């Protein structure tokens, strides 16, 4: 998530949501 914030990839929402799900 930190790397994604540092180098955002707007088109890769699936990985963002997947990481948030695993964190939760």
PDBML (XML) file of the C-alpha atoms, coordinates in Angstrom:
<?xml version="1.0" encoding="UTF-8" ?>
<PDBx:datablock datablockName="MODEL"
   xmlns:PDBx="http://pdbml.pdb.org/schema/pdbx-v50.xsd"
   xmlns:xsi="http://www.w3.org/2001/XMLSchema-instance"
   xsi:schemaLocation="http://pdbml.pdb.org/schema/pdbx-v50.xsd pdbx-v50.xsd">
   <PDBx:atom_siteCategory>
      <PDBx:atom_site id="1">
         <PDBx:B_iso_or_equiv>0.00</PDBx:B_iso_or_equiv>
         <PDBx:Cartn_x>0.000</PDBx:Cartn_x>
         <PDBx:Cartn_y>0.000</PDBx:Cartn_y>
         <PDBx:Cartn_z>0.000</PDBx:Cartn_z>
         <PDBx:auth_asym_id>A</PDBx:auth_asym_id>
         <PDBx:auth_atom_id>CA</PDBx:auth_atom_id>
         <PDBx:auth_comp_id>UNK</PDBx:auth_comp_id>
         <PDBx:auth_seq_id>1</PDBx:auth_seq_id>
         <PDBx:group_PDB>ATOM</PDBx:group_PDB>
         <PDBx:label_alt_id xsi:nil="true" />
         <PDBx:label_asym_id>A</PDBx:label_asym_id>
         <PDBx:label_atom_id>CA</PDBx:label_atom_id>
         <PDBx:label_comp_id>UNK</PDBx:label_comp_id>
         <PDBx:label_entity_id>1</PDBx:label_entity_id>
         <PDBx:label_seq_id>1</PDBx:label_seq_id>
         <PDBx:occupancy>1.00</PDBx:occupancy>
         <PDBx:pdbx_PDB_model_num>1</PDBx:pdbx_PDB_model_num>
         <PDBx:type_symbol>C</PDBx:type_symbol>
      </PDBx:atom_site>
      <PDBx:atom_site id="2">
         <PDBx:B_iso_or_equiv>0.00</PDBx:B_iso_or_equiv>
         <PDBx:Cartn_x>2.870</PDBx:Cartn_x>
         <PDBx:Cartn_y>2.351</PDBx:Cartn_y>
         <PDBx:Cartn_z>0.840</PDBx:Cartn_z>
         <PDBx:auth_asym_id>A</PDBx:auth_asym_id>
         <PDBx:auth_atom_id>CA</PDBx:auth_atom_id>
         <PDBx:auth_comp_id>UNK</PDBx:auth_comp_id>
         <PDBx:auth_seq_id>2</PDBx:auth_seq_id>
         <PDBx:group_PDB>ATOM</PDBx:group_PDB>
         <PDBx:label_alt_id xsi:nil="true" />
         <PDBx:label_asym_id>A</PDBx:label_asym_id>
         <PDBx:label_atom_id>CA</PDBx:label_atom_id>
         <PDBx:label_comp_id>UNK</PDBx:label_comp_id>
         <PDBx:label_entity_id>1</PDBx:label_entity_id>
         <PDBx:label_seq_id>2</PDBx:label_seq_id>
         <PDBx:occupancy>1.00</PDBx:occupancy>
         <PDBx:pdbx_PDB_model_num>1</PDBx:pdbx_PDB_model_num>
         <PDBx:type_symbol>C</PDBx:type_symbol>
      </PDBx:atom_site>
      <PDBx:atom_site id="3">
         <PDBx:B_iso_or_equiv>0.00</PDBx:B_iso_or_equiv>
         <PDBx:Cartn_x>4.521</PDBx:Cartn_x>
         <PDBx:Cartn_y>1.599</PDBx:Cartn_y>
         <PDBx:Cartn_z>-2.498</PDBx:Cartn_z>
         <PDBx:auth_asym_id>A</PDBx:auth_asym_id>
         <PDBx:auth_atom_id>CA</PDBx:auth_atom_id>
         <PDBx:auth_comp_id>UNK</PDBx:auth_comp_id>
         <PDBx:auth_seq_id>3</PDBx:auth_seq_id>
         <PDBx:group_PDB>ATOM</PDBx:group_PDB>
         <PDBx:label_alt_id xsi:nil="true" />
         <PDBx:label_asym_id>A</PDBx:label_asym_id>
         <PDBx:label_atom_id>CA</PDBx:label_atom_id>
         <PDBx:label_comp_id>UNK</PDBx:label_comp_id>
         <PDBx:label_entity_id>1</PDBx:label_entity_id>
         <PDBx:label_seq_id>3</PDBx:label_seq_id>
         <PDBx:occupancy>1.00</PDBx:occupancy>
         <PDBx:pdbx_PDB_model_num>1</PDBx:pdbx_PDB_model_num>
         <PDBx:type_symbol>C</PDBx:type_symbol>
      </PDBx:atom_site>
      <PDBx:atom_site id="4">
         <PDBx:B_iso_or_equiv>0.00</PDBx:B_iso_or_equiv>
         <PDBx:Cartn_x>1.205</PDBx:Cartn_x>
         <PDBx:Cartn_y>2.185</PDBx:Cartn_y>
         <PDBx:Cartn_z>-4.249</PDBx:Cartn_z>
         <PDBx:auth_asym_id>A</PDBx:auth_asym_id>
         <PDBx:auth_atom_id>CA</PDBx:auth_atom_id>
         <PDBx:auth_comp_id>UNK</PDBx:auth_comp_id>
         <PDBx:auth_seq_id>4</PDBx:auth_seq_id>
         <PDBx:group_PDB>ATOM</PDBx:group_PDB>
         <PDBx:label_alt_id xsi:nil="true" />
         <PDBx:label_asym_id>A</PDBx:label_asym_id>
         <PDBx:label_atom_id>CA</PDBx:label_atom_id>
         <PDBx:label_comp_id>UNK</PDBx:label_comp_id>
         <PDBx:label_entity_id>1</PDBx:label_entity_id>
         <PDBx:label_seq_id>4</PDBx:label_seq_id>
         <PDBx:occupancy>1.00</PDBx:occupancy>
         <PDBx:pdbx_PDB_model_num>1</PDBx:pdbx_PDB_model_num>
         <PDBx:type_symbol>C</PDBx:type_symbol>
      </PDBx:atom_site>
      <PDBx:atom_site id="5">
         <PDBx:B_iso_or_equiv>0.00</PDBx:B_iso_or_equiv>
         <PDBx:Cartn_x>0.843</PDBx:Cartn_x>
         <PDBx:Cartn_y>5.583</PDBx:Cartn_y>
         <PDBx:Cartn_z>-2.593</PDBx:Cartn_z>
         <PDBx:auth_asym_id>A</PDBx:auth_asym_id>
         <PDBx:auth_atom_id>CA</PDBx:auth_atom_id>
         <PDBx:auth_comp_id>UNK</PDBx:auth_comp_id>
         <PDBx:auth_seq_id>5</PDBx:auth_seq_id>
         <PDBx:group_PDB>ATOM</PDBx:group_PDB>
         <PDBx:label_alt_id xsi:nil="true" />
         <PDBx:label_asym_id>A</PDBx:label_asym_id>
         <PDBx:label_atom_id>CA</PDBx:label_atom_id>
         <PDBx:label_comp_id>UNK</PDBx:label_comp_id>
         <PDBx:label_entity_id>1</PDBx:label_entity_id>
         <PDBx:label_seq_id>5</PDBx:label_seq_id>
         <PDBx:occupancy>1.00</PDBx:occupancy>
         <PDBx:pdbx_PDB_model_num>1</PDBx:pdbx_PDB_model_num>
         <PDBx:type_symbol>C</PDBx:type_symbol>
      </PDBx:atom_site>
      <PDBx:atom_site id="6">
         <PDBx:B_iso_or_equiv>0.00</PDBx:B_iso_or_equiv>
         <PDBx:Cartn_x>4.425</PDBx:Cartn_x>
         <PDBx:Cartn_y>6.430</PDBx:Cartn_y>
         <PDBx:Cartn_z>-3.473</PDBx:Cartn_z>
         <PDBx:auth_asym_id>A</PDBx:auth_asym_id>
         <PDBx:auth_atom_id>CA</PDBx:auth_atom_id>
         <PDBx:auth_comp_id>UNK</PDBx:auth_comp_id>
         <PDBx:auth_seq_id>6</PDBx:auth_seq_id>
         <PDBx:group_PDB>ATOM</PDBx:group_PDB>
         <PDBx:label_alt_id xsi:nil="true" />
         <PDBx:label_asym_id>A</PDBx:label_asym_id>
         <PDBx:label_atom_id>CA</PDBx:label_atom_id>
         <PDBx:label_comp_id>UNK</PDBx:label_comp_id>
         <PDBx:label_entity_id>1</PDBx:label_entity_id>
         <PDBx:label_seq_id>6</PDBx:label_seq_id>
         <PDBx:occupancy>1.00</PDBx:occupancy>
         <PDBx:pdbx_PDB_model_num>1</PDBx:pdbx_PDB_model_num>
         <PDBx:type_symbol>C</PDBx:type_symbol>
      </PDBx:atom_site>
      <PDBx:atom_site id="7">
         <PDBx:B_iso_or_equiv>0.00</PDBx:B_iso_or_equiv>
         <PDBx:Cartn_x>3.988</PDBx:Cartn_x>
         <PDBx:Cartn_y>5.276</PDBx:Cartn_y>
         <PDBx:Cartn_z>-7.094</PDBx:Cartn_z>
         <PDBx:auth_asym_id>A</PDBx:auth_asym_id>
         <PDBx:auth_atom_id>CA</PDBx:auth_atom_id>
         <PDBx:auth_comp_id>UNK</PDBx:auth_comp_id>
         <PDBx:auth_seq_id>7</PDBx:auth_seq_id>
         <PDBx:group_PDB>ATOM</PDBx:group_PDB>
         <PDBx:label_alt_id xsi:nil="true" />
         <PDBx:label_asym_id>A</PDBx:label_asym_id>
         <PDBx:label_atom_id>CA</PDBx:label_atom_id>
         <PDBx:label_comp_id>UNK</PDBx:label_comp_id>
         <PDBx:label_entity_id>1</PDBx:label_entity_id>
         <PDBx:label_seq_id>7</PDBx:label_seq_id>
         <PDBx:occupancy>1.00</PDBx:occupancy>
         <PDBx:pdbx_PDB_model_num>1</PDBx:pdbx_PDB_model_num>
         <PDBx:type_symbol>C</PDBx:type_symbol>
      </PDBx:atom_site>
      <PDBx:atom_site id="8">
         <PDBx:B_iso_or_equiv>0.00</PDBx:B_iso_or_equiv>
         <PDBx:Cartn_x>0.234</PDBx:Cartn_x>
         <PDBx:Cartn_y>5.295</PDBx:Cartn_y>
         <PDBx:Cartn_z>-7.739</PDBx:Cartn_z>
         <PDBx:auth_asym_id>A</PDBx:auth_asym_id>
         <PDBx:auth_atom_id>CA</PDBx:auth_atom_id>
         <PDBx:auth_comp_id>UNK</PDBx:auth_comp_id>
         <PDBx:auth_seq_id>8</PDBx:auth_seq_id>
         <PDBx:group_PDB>ATOM</PDBx:group_PDB>
         <PDBx:label_alt_id xsi:nil="true" />
         <PDBx:label_asym_id>A</PDBx:label_asym_id>
         <PDBx:label_atom_id>CA</PDBx:label_atom_id>
         <PDBx:label_comp_id>UNK</PDBx:label_comp_id>
         <PDBx:label_entity_id>1</PDBx:label_entity_id>
         <PDBx:label_seq_id>8</PDBx:label_seq_id>
         <PDBx:occupancy>1.00</PDBx:occupancy>
         <PDBx:pdbx_PDB_model_num>1</PDBx:pdbx_PDB_model_num>
         <PDBx:type_symbol>C</PDBx:type_symbol>
      </PDBx:atom_site>
      <PDBx:atom_site id="9">
         <PDBx:B_iso_or_equiv>0.00</PDBx:B_iso_or_equiv>
         <PDBx:Cartn_x>-1.262</PDBx:Cartn_x>
         <PDBx:Cartn_y>3.200</PDBx:Cartn_y>
         <PDBx:Cartn_z>-10.524</PDBx:Cartn_z>
         <PDBx:auth_asym_id>A</PDBx:auth_asym_id>
         <PDBx:auth_atom_id>CA</PDBx:auth_atom_id>
         <PDBx:auth_comp_id>UNK</PDBx:auth_comp_id>
         <PDBx:auth_seq_id>9</PDBx:auth_seq_id>
         <PDBx:group_PDB>ATOM</PDBx:group_PDB>
         <PDBx:label_alt_id xsi:nil="true" />
         <PDBx:label_asym_id>A</PDBx:label_asym_id>
         <PDBx:label_atom_id>CA</PDBx:label_atom_id>
         <PDBx:label_comp_id>UNK</PDBx:label_comp_id>
         <PDBx:label_entity_id>1</PDBx:label_entity_id>
         <PDBx:label_seq_id>9</PDBx:label_seq_id>
         <PDBx:occupancy>1.00</PDBx:occupancy>
         <PDBx:pdbx_PDB_model_num>1</PDBx:pdbx_PDB_model_num>
         <PDBx:type_symbol>C</PDBx:type_symbol>
      </PDBx:atom_site>
      <PDBx:atom_site id="10">
         <PDBx:B_iso_or_equiv>0.00</PDBx:B_iso_or_equiv>
         <PDBx:Cartn_x>-4.803</PDBx:Cartn_x>
         <PDBx:Cartn_y>4.447</PDBx:Cartn_y>
         <PDBx:Cartn_z>-11.006</PDBx:Cartn_z>
         <PDBx:auth_asym_id>A</PDBx:auth_asym_id>
         <PDBx:auth_atom_id>CA</PDBx:auth_atom_id>
         <PDBx:auth_comp_id>UNK</PDBx:auth_comp_id>
         <PDBx:auth_seq_id>10</PDBx:auth_seq_id>
         <PDBx:group_PDB>ATOM</PDBx:group_PDB>
         <PDBx:label_alt_id xsi:nil="true" />
         <PDBx:label_asym_id>A</PDBx:label_asym_id>
         <PDBx:label_atom_id>CA</PDBx:label_atom_id>
         <PDBx:label_comp_id>UNK</PDBx:label_comp_id>
         <PDBx:label_entity_id>1</PDBx:label_entity_id>
         <PDBx:label_seq_id>10</PDBx:label_seq_id>
         <PDBx:occupancy>1.00</PDBx:occupancy>
         <PDBx:pdbx_PDB_model_num>1</PDBx:pdbx_PDB_model_num>
         <PDBx:type_symbol>C</PDBx:type_symbol>
      </PDBx:atom_site>
      <PDBx:atom_site id="11">
         <PDBx:B_iso_or_equiv>0.00</PDBx:B_iso_or_equiv>
         <PDBx:Cartn_x>-5.817</PDBx:Cartn_x>
         <PDBx:Cartn_y>1.640</PDBx:Cartn_y>
         <PDBx:Cartn_z>-13.348</PDBx:Cartn_z>
         <PDBx:auth_asym_id>A</PDBx:auth_asym_id>
         <PDBx:auth_atom_id>CA</PDBx:auth_atom_id>
         <PDBx:auth_comp_id>UNK</PDBx:auth_comp_id>
         <PDBx:auth_seq_id>11</PDBx:auth_seq_id>
         <PDBx:group_PDB>ATOM</PDBx:group_PDB>
         <PDBx:label_alt_id xsi:nil="true" />
         <PDBx:label_asym_id>A</PDBx:label_asym_id>
         <PDBx:label_atom_id>CA</PDBx:label_atom_id>
         <PDBx:label_comp_id>UNK</PDBx:label_comp_id>
         <PDBx:label_entity_id>1</PDBx:label_entity_id>
         <PDBx:label_seq_id>11</PDBx:label_seq_id>
         <PDBx:occupancy>1.00</PDBx:occupancy>
         <PDBx:pdbx_PDB_model_num>1</PDBx:pdbx_PDB_model_num>
         <PDBx:type_symbol>C</PDBx:type_symbol>
      </PDBx:atom_site>
      <PDBx:atom_site id="12">
         <PDBx:B_iso_or_equiv>0.00</PDBx:B_iso_or_equiv>
         <PDBx:Cartn_x>-4.968</PDBx:Cartn_x>
         <PDBx:Cartn_y>-1.134</PDBx:Cartn_y>
         <PDBx:Cartn_z>-10.843</PDBx:Cartn_z>
         <PDBx:auth_asym_id>A</PDBx:auth_asym_id>
         <PDBx:auth_atom_id>CA</PDBx:auth_atom_id>
         <PDBx:auth_comp_id>UNK</PDBx:auth_comp_id>
         <PDBx:auth_seq_id>12</PDBx:auth_seq_id>
         <PDBx:group_PDB>ATOM</PDBx:group_PDB>
         <PDBx:label_alt_id xsi:nil="true" />
         <PDBx:label_asym_id>A</PDBx:label_asym_id>
         <PDBx:label_atom_id>CA</PDBx:label_atom_id>
         <PDBx:label_comp_id>UNK</PDBx:label_comp_id>
         <PDBx:label_entity_id>1</PDBx:label_entity_id>
         <PDBx:label_seq_id>12</PDBx:label_seq_id>
         <PDBx:occupancy>1.00</PDBx:occupancy>
         <PDBx:pdbx_PDB_model_num>1</PDBx:pdbx_PDB_model_num>
         <PDBx:type_symbol>C</PDBx:type_symbol>
      </PDBx:atom_site>
      <PDBx:atom_site id="13">
         <PDBx:B_iso_or_equiv>0.00</PDBx:B_iso_or_equiv>
         <PDBx:Cartn_x>-7.936</PDBx:Cartn_x>
         <PDBx:Cartn_y>-0.823</PDBx:Cartn_y>
         <PDBx:Cartn_z>-8.474</PDBx:Cartn_z>
         <PDBx:auth_asym_id>A</PDBx:auth_asym_id>
         <PDBx:auth_atom_id>CA</PDBx:auth_atom_id>
         <PDBx:auth_comp_id>UNK</PDBx:auth_comp_id>
         <PDBx:auth_seq_id>13</PDBx:auth_seq_id>
         <PDBx:group_PDB>ATOM</PDBx:group_PDB>
         <PDBx:label_alt_id xsi:nil="true" />
         <PDBx:label_asym_id>A</PDBx:label_asym_id>
         <PDBx:label_atom_id>CA</PDBx:label_atom_id>
         <PDBx:label_comp_id>UNK</PDBx:label_comp_id>
         <PDBx:label_entity_id>1</PDBx:label_entity_id>
         <PDBx:label_seq_id>13</PDBx:label_seq_id>
         <PDBx:occupancy>1.00</PDBx:occupancy>
         <PDBx:pdbx_PDB_model_num>1</PDBx:pdbx_PDB_model_num>
         <PDBx:type_symbol>C</PDBx:type_symbol>
      </PDBx:atom_site>
      <PDBx:atom_site id="14">
         <PDBx:B_iso_or_equiv>0.00</PDBx:B_iso_or_equiv>
         <PDBx:Cartn_x>-8.254</PDBx:Cartn_x>
         <PDBx:Cartn_y>-4.594</PDBx:Cartn_y>
         <PDBx:Cartn_z>-8.050</PDBx:Cartn_z>
         <PDBx:auth_asym_id>A</PDBx:auth_asym_id>
         <PDBx:auth_atom_id>CA</PDBx:auth_atom_id>
         <PDBx:auth_comp_id>UNK</PDBx:auth_comp_id>
         <PDBx:auth_seq_id>14</PDBx:auth_seq_id>
         <PDBx:group_PDB>ATOM</PDBx:group_PDB>
         <PDBx:label_alt_id xsi:nil="true" />
         <PDBx:label_asym_id>A</PDBx:label_asym_id>
         <PDBx:label_atom_id>CA</PDBx:label_atom_id>
         <PDBx:label_comp_id>UNK</PDBx:label_comp_id>
         <PDBx:label_entity_id>1</PDBx:label_entity_id>
         <PDBx:label_seq_id>14</PDBx:label_seq_id>
         <PDBx:occupancy>1.00</PDBx:occupancy>
         <PDBx:pdbx_PDB_model_num>1</PDBx:pdbx_PDB_model_num>
         <PDBx:type_symbol>C</PDBx:type_symbol>
      </PDBx:atom_site>
      <PDBx:atom_site id="15">
         <PDBx:B_iso_or_equiv>0.00</PDBx:B_iso_or_equiv>
         <PDBx:Cartn_x>-4.938</PDBx:Cartn_x>
         <PDBx:Cartn_y>-4.924</PDBx:Cartn_y>
         <PDBx:Cartn_z>-6.217</PDBx:Cartn_z>
         <PDBx:auth_asym_id>A</PDBx:auth_asym_id>
         <PDBx:auth_atom_id>CA</PDBx:auth_atom_id>
         <PDBx:auth_comp_id>UNK</PDBx:auth_comp_id>
         <PDBx:auth_seq_id>15</PDBx:auth_seq_id>
         <PDBx:group_PDB>ATOM</PDBx:group_PDB>
         <PDBx:label_alt_id xsi:nil="true" />
         <PDBx:label_asym_id>A</PDBx:label_asym_id>
         <PDBx:label_atom_id>CA</PDBx:label_atom_id>
         <PDBx:label_comp_id>UNK</PDBx:label_comp_id>
         <PDBx:label_entity_id>1</PDBx:label_entity_id>
         <PDBx:label_seq_id>15</PDBx:label_seq_id>
         <PDBx:occupancy>1.00</PDBx:occupancy>
         <PDBx:pdbx_PDB_model_num>1</PDBx:pdbx_PDB_model_num>
         <PDBx:type_symbol>C</PDBx:type_symbol>
      </PDBx:atom_site>
      <PDBx:atom_site id="16">
         <PDBx:B_iso_or_equiv>0.00</PDBx:B_iso_or_equiv>
         <PDBx:Cartn_x>-5.745</PDBx:Cartn_x>
         <PDBx:Cartn_y>-1.907</PDBx:Cartn_y>
         <PDBx:Cartn_z>-4.033</PDBx:Cartn_z>
         <PDBx:auth_asym_id>A</PDBx:auth_asym_id>
         <PDBx:auth_atom_id>CA</PDBx:auth_atom_id>
         <PDBx:auth_comp_id>UNK</PDBx:auth_comp_id>
         <PDBx:auth_seq_id>16</PDBx:auth_seq_id>
         <PDBx:group_PDB>ATOM</PDBx:group_PDB>
         <PDBx:label_alt_id xsi:nil="true" />
         <PDBx:label_asym_id>A</PDBx:label_asym_id>
         <PDBx:label_atom_id>CA</PDBx:label_atom_id>
         <PDBx:label_comp_id>UNK</PDBx:label_comp_id>
         <PDBx:label_entity_id>1</PDBx:label_entity_id>
         <PDBx:label_seq_id>16</PDBx:label_seq_id>
         <PDBx:occupancy>1.00</PDBx:occupancy>
         <PDBx:pdbx_PDB_model_num>1</PDBx:pdbx_PDB_model_num>
         <PDBx:type_symbol>C</PDBx:type_symbol>
      </PDBx:atom_site>
      <PDBx:atom_site id="17">
         <PDBx:B_iso_or_equiv>0.00</PDBx:B_iso_or_equiv>
         <PDBx:Cartn_x>-9.070</PDBx:Cartn_x>
         <PDBx:Cartn_y>-3.346</PDBx:Cartn_y>
         <PDBx:Cartn_z>-2.932</PDBx:Cartn_z>
         <PDBx:auth_asym_id>A</PDBx:auth_asym_id>
         <PDBx:auth_atom_id>CA</PDBx:auth_atom_id>
         <PDBx:auth_comp_id>UNK</PDBx:auth_comp_id>
         <PDBx:auth_seq_id>17</PDBx:auth_seq_id>
         <PDBx:group_PDB>ATOM</PDBx:group_PDB>
         <PDBx:label_alt_id xsi:nil="true" />
         <PDBx:label_asym_id>A</PDBx:label_asym_id>
         <PDBx:label_atom_id>CA</PDBx:label_atom_id>
         <PDBx:label_comp_id>UNK</PDBx:label_comp_id>
         <PDBx:label_entity_id>1</PDBx:label_entity_id>
         <PDBx:label_seq_id>17</PDBx:label_seq_id>
         <PDBx:occupancy>1.00</PDBx:occupancy>
         <PDBx:pdbx_PDB_model_num>1</PDBx:pdbx_PDB_model_num>
         <PDBx:type_symbol>C</PDBx:type_symbol>
      </PDBx:atom_site>
      <PDBx:atom_site id="18">
         <PDBx:B_iso_or_equiv>0.00</PDBx:B_iso_or_equiv>
         <PDBx:Cartn_x>-7.532</PDBx:Cartn_x>
         <PDBx:Cartn_y>-6.807</PDBx:Cartn_y>
         <PDBx:Cartn_z>-2.525</PDBx:Cartn_z>
         <PDBx:auth_asym_id>A</PDBx:auth_asym_id>
         <PDBx:auth_atom_id>CA</PDBx:auth_atom_id>
         <PDBx:auth_comp_id>UNK</PDBx:auth_comp_id>
         <PDBx:auth_seq_id>18</PDBx:auth_seq_id>
         <PDBx:group_PDB>ATOM</PDBx:group_PDB>
         <PDBx:label_alt_id xsi:nil="true" />
         <PDBx:label_asym_id>A</PDBx:label_asym_id>
         <PDBx:label_atom_id>CA</PDBx:label_atom_id>
         <PDBx:label_comp_id>UNK</PDBx:label_comp_id>
         <PDBx:label_entity_id>1</PDBx:label_entity_id>
         <PDBx:label_seq_id>18</PDBx:label_seq_id>
         <PDBx:occupancy>1.00</PDBx:occupancy>
         <PDBx:pdbx_PDB_model_num>1</PDBx:pdbx_PDB_model_num>
         <PDBx:type_symbol>C</PDBx:type_symbol>
      </PDBx:atom_site>
      <PDBx:atom_site id="19">
         <PDBx:B_iso_or_equiv>0.00</PDBx:B_iso_or_equiv>
         <PDBx:Cartn_x>-4.801</PDBx:Cartn_x>
         <PDBx:Cartn_y>-5.472</PDBx:Cartn_y>
         <PDBx:Cartn_z>-0.235</PDBx:Cartn_z>
         <PDBx:auth_asym_id>A</PDBx:auth_asym_id>
         <PDBx:auth_atom_id>CA</PDBx:auth_atom_id>
         <PDBx:auth_comp_id>UNK</PDBx:auth_comp_id>
         <PDBx:auth_seq_id>19</PDBx:auth_seq_id>
         <PDBx:group_PDB>ATOM</PDBx:group_PDB>
         <PDBx:label_alt_id xsi:nil="true" />
         <PDBx:label_asym_id>A</PDBx:label_asym_id>
         <PDBx:label_atom_id>CA</PDBx:label_atom_id>
         <PDBx:label_comp_id>UNK</PDBx:label_comp_id>
         <PDBx:label_entity_id>1</PDBx:label_entity_id>
         <PDBx:label_seq_id>19</PDBx:label_seq_id>
         <PDBx:occupancy>1.00</PDBx:occupancy>
         <PDBx:pdbx_PDB_model_num>1</PDBx:pdbx_PDB_model_num>
         <PDBx:type_symbol>C</PDBx:type_symbol>
      </PDBx:atom_site>
      <PDBx:atom_site id="20">
         <PDBx:B_iso_or_equiv>0.00</PDBx:B_iso_or_equiv>
         <PDBx:Cartn_x>-7.332</PDBx:Cartn_x>
         <PDBx:Cartn_y>-3.548</PDBx:Cartn_y>
         <PDBx:Cartn_z>1.864</PDBx:Cartn_z>
         <PDBx:auth_asym_id>A</PDBx:auth_asym_id>
         <PDBx:auth_atom_id>CA</PDBx:auth_atom_id>
         <PDBx:auth_comp_id>UNK</PDBx:auth_comp_id>
         <PDBx:auth_seq_id>20</PDBx:auth_seq_id>
         <PDBx:group_PDB>ATOM</PDBx:group_PDB>
         <PDBx:label_alt_id xsi:nil="true" />
         <PDBx:label_asym_id>A</PDBx:label_asym_id>
         <PDBx:label_atom_id>CA</PDBx:label_atom_id>
         <PDBx:label_comp_id>UNK</PDBx:label_comp_id>
         <PDBx:label_entity_id>1</PDBx:label_entity_id>
         <PDBx:label_seq_id>20</PDBx:label_seq_id>
         <PDBx:occupancy>1.00</PDBx:occupancy>
         <PDBx:pdbx_PDB_model_num>1</PDBx:pdbx_PDB_model_num>
         <PDBx:type_symbol>C</PDBx:type_symbol>
      </PDBx:atom_site>
      <PDBx:atom_site id="21">
         <PDBx:B_iso_or_equiv>0.00</PDBx:B_iso_or_equiv>
         <PDBx:Cartn_x>-9.440</PDBx:Cartn_x>
         <PDBx:Cartn_y>-6.712</PDBx:Cartn_y>
         <PDBx:Cartn_z>2.194</PDBx:Cartn_z>
         <PDBx:auth_asym_id>A</PDBx:auth_asym_id>
         <PDBx:auth_atom_id>CA</PDBx:auth_atom_id>
         <PDBx:auth_comp_id>UNK</PDBx:auth_comp_id>
         <PDBx:auth_seq_id>21</PDBx:auth_seq_id>
         <PDBx:group_PDB>ATOM</PDBx:group_PDB>
         <PDBx:label_alt_id xsi:nil="true" />
         <PDBx:label_asym_id>A</PDBx:label_asym_id>
         <PDBx:label_atom_id>CA</PDBx:label_atom_id>
         <PDBx:label_comp_id>UNK</PDBx:label_comp_id>
         <PDBx:label_entity_id>1</PDBx:label_entity_id>
         <PDBx:label_seq_id>21</PDBx:label_seq_id>
         <PDBx:occupancy>1.00</PDBx:occupancy>
         <PDBx:pdbx_PDB_model_num>1</PDBx:pdbx_PDB_model_num>
         <PDBx:type_symbol>C</PDBx:type_symbol>
      </PDBx:atom_site>
      <PDBx:atom_site id="22">
         <PDBx:B_iso_or_equiv>0.00</PDBx:B_iso_or_equiv>
         <PDBx:Cartn_x>-6.443</PDBx:Cartn_x>
         <PDBx:Cartn_y>-8.711</PDBx:Cartn_y>
         <PDBx:Cartn_z>3.427</PDBx:Cartn_z>
         <PDBx:auth_asym_id>A</PDBx:auth_asym_id>
         <PDBx:auth_atom_id>CA</PDBx:auth_atom_id>
         <PDBx:auth_comp_id>UNK</PDBx:auth_comp_id>
         <PDBx:auth_seq_id>22</PDBx:auth_seq_id>
         <PDBx:group_PDB>ATOM</PDBx:group_PDB>
         <PDBx:label_alt_id xsi:nil="true" />
         <PDBx:label_asym_id>A</PDBx:label_asym_id>
         <PDBx:label_atom_id>CA</PDBx:label_atom_id>
         <PDBx:label_comp_id>UNK</PDBx:label_comp_id>
         <PDBx:label_entity_id>1</PDBx:label_entity_id>
         <PDBx:label_seq_id>22</PDBx:label_seq_id>
         <PDBx:occupancy>1.00</PDBx:occupancy>
         <PDBx:pdbx_PDB_model_num>1</PDBx:pdbx_PDB_model_num>
         <PDBx:type_symbol>C</PDBx:type_symbol>
      </PDBx:atom_site>
      <PDBx:atom_site id="23">
         <PDBx:B_iso_or_equiv>0.00</PDBx:B_iso_or_equiv>
         <PDBx:Cartn_x>-5.454</PDBx:Cartn_x>
         <PDBx:Cartn_y>-5.979</PDBx:Cartn_y>
         <PDBx:Cartn_z>5.877</PDBx:Cartn_z>
         <PDBx:auth_asym_id>A</PDBx:auth_asym_id>
         <PDBx:auth_atom_id>CA</PDBx:auth_atom_id>
         <PDBx:auth_comp_id>UNK</PDBx:auth_comp_id>
         <PDBx:auth_seq_id>23</PDBx:auth_seq_id>
         <PDBx:group_PDB>ATOM</PDBx:group_PDB>
         <PDBx:label_alt_id xsi:nil="true" />
         <PDBx:label_asym_id>A</PDBx:label_asym_id>
         <PDBx:label_atom_id>CA</PDBx:label_atom_id>
         <PDBx:label_comp_id>UNK</PDBx:label_comp_id>
         <PDBx:label_entity_id>1</PDBx:label_entity_id>
         <PDBx:label_seq_id>23</PDBx:label_seq_id>
         <PDBx:occupancy>1.00</PDBx:occupancy>
         <PDBx:pdbx_PDB_model_num>1</PDBx:pdbx_PDB_model_num>
         <PDBx:type_symbol>C</PDBx:type_symbol>
      </PDBx:atom_site>
      <PDBx:atom_site id="24">
         <PDBx:B_iso_or_equiv>0.00</PDBx:B_iso_or_equiv>
         <PDBx:Cartn_x>-8.980</PDBx:Cartn_x>
         <PDBx:Cartn_y>-5.927</PDBx:Cartn_y>
         <PDBx:Cartn_z>7.319</PDBx:Cartn_z>
         <PDBx:auth_asym_id>A</PDBx:auth_asym_id>
         <PDBx:auth_atom_id>CA</PDBx:auth_atom_id>
         <PDBx:auth_comp_id>UNK</PDBx:auth_comp_id>
         <PDBx:auth_seq_id>24</PDBx:auth_seq_id>
         <PDBx:group_PDB>ATOM</PDBx:group_PDB>
         <PDBx:label_alt_id xsi:nil="true" />
         <PDBx:label_asym_id>A</PDBx:label_asym_id>
         <PDBx:label_atom_id>CA</PDBx:label_atom_id>
         <PDBx:label_comp_id>UNK</PDBx:label_comp_id>
         <PDBx:label_entity_id>1</PDBx:label_entity_id>
         <PDBx:label_seq_id>24</PDBx:label_seq_id>
         <PDBx:occupancy>1.00</PDBx:occupancy>
         <PDBx:pdbx_PDB_model_num>1</PDBx:pdbx_PDB_model_num>
         <PDBx:type_symbol>C</PDBx:type_symbol>
      </PDBx:atom_site>
   </PDBx:atom_siteCategory>
</PDBx:datablock>
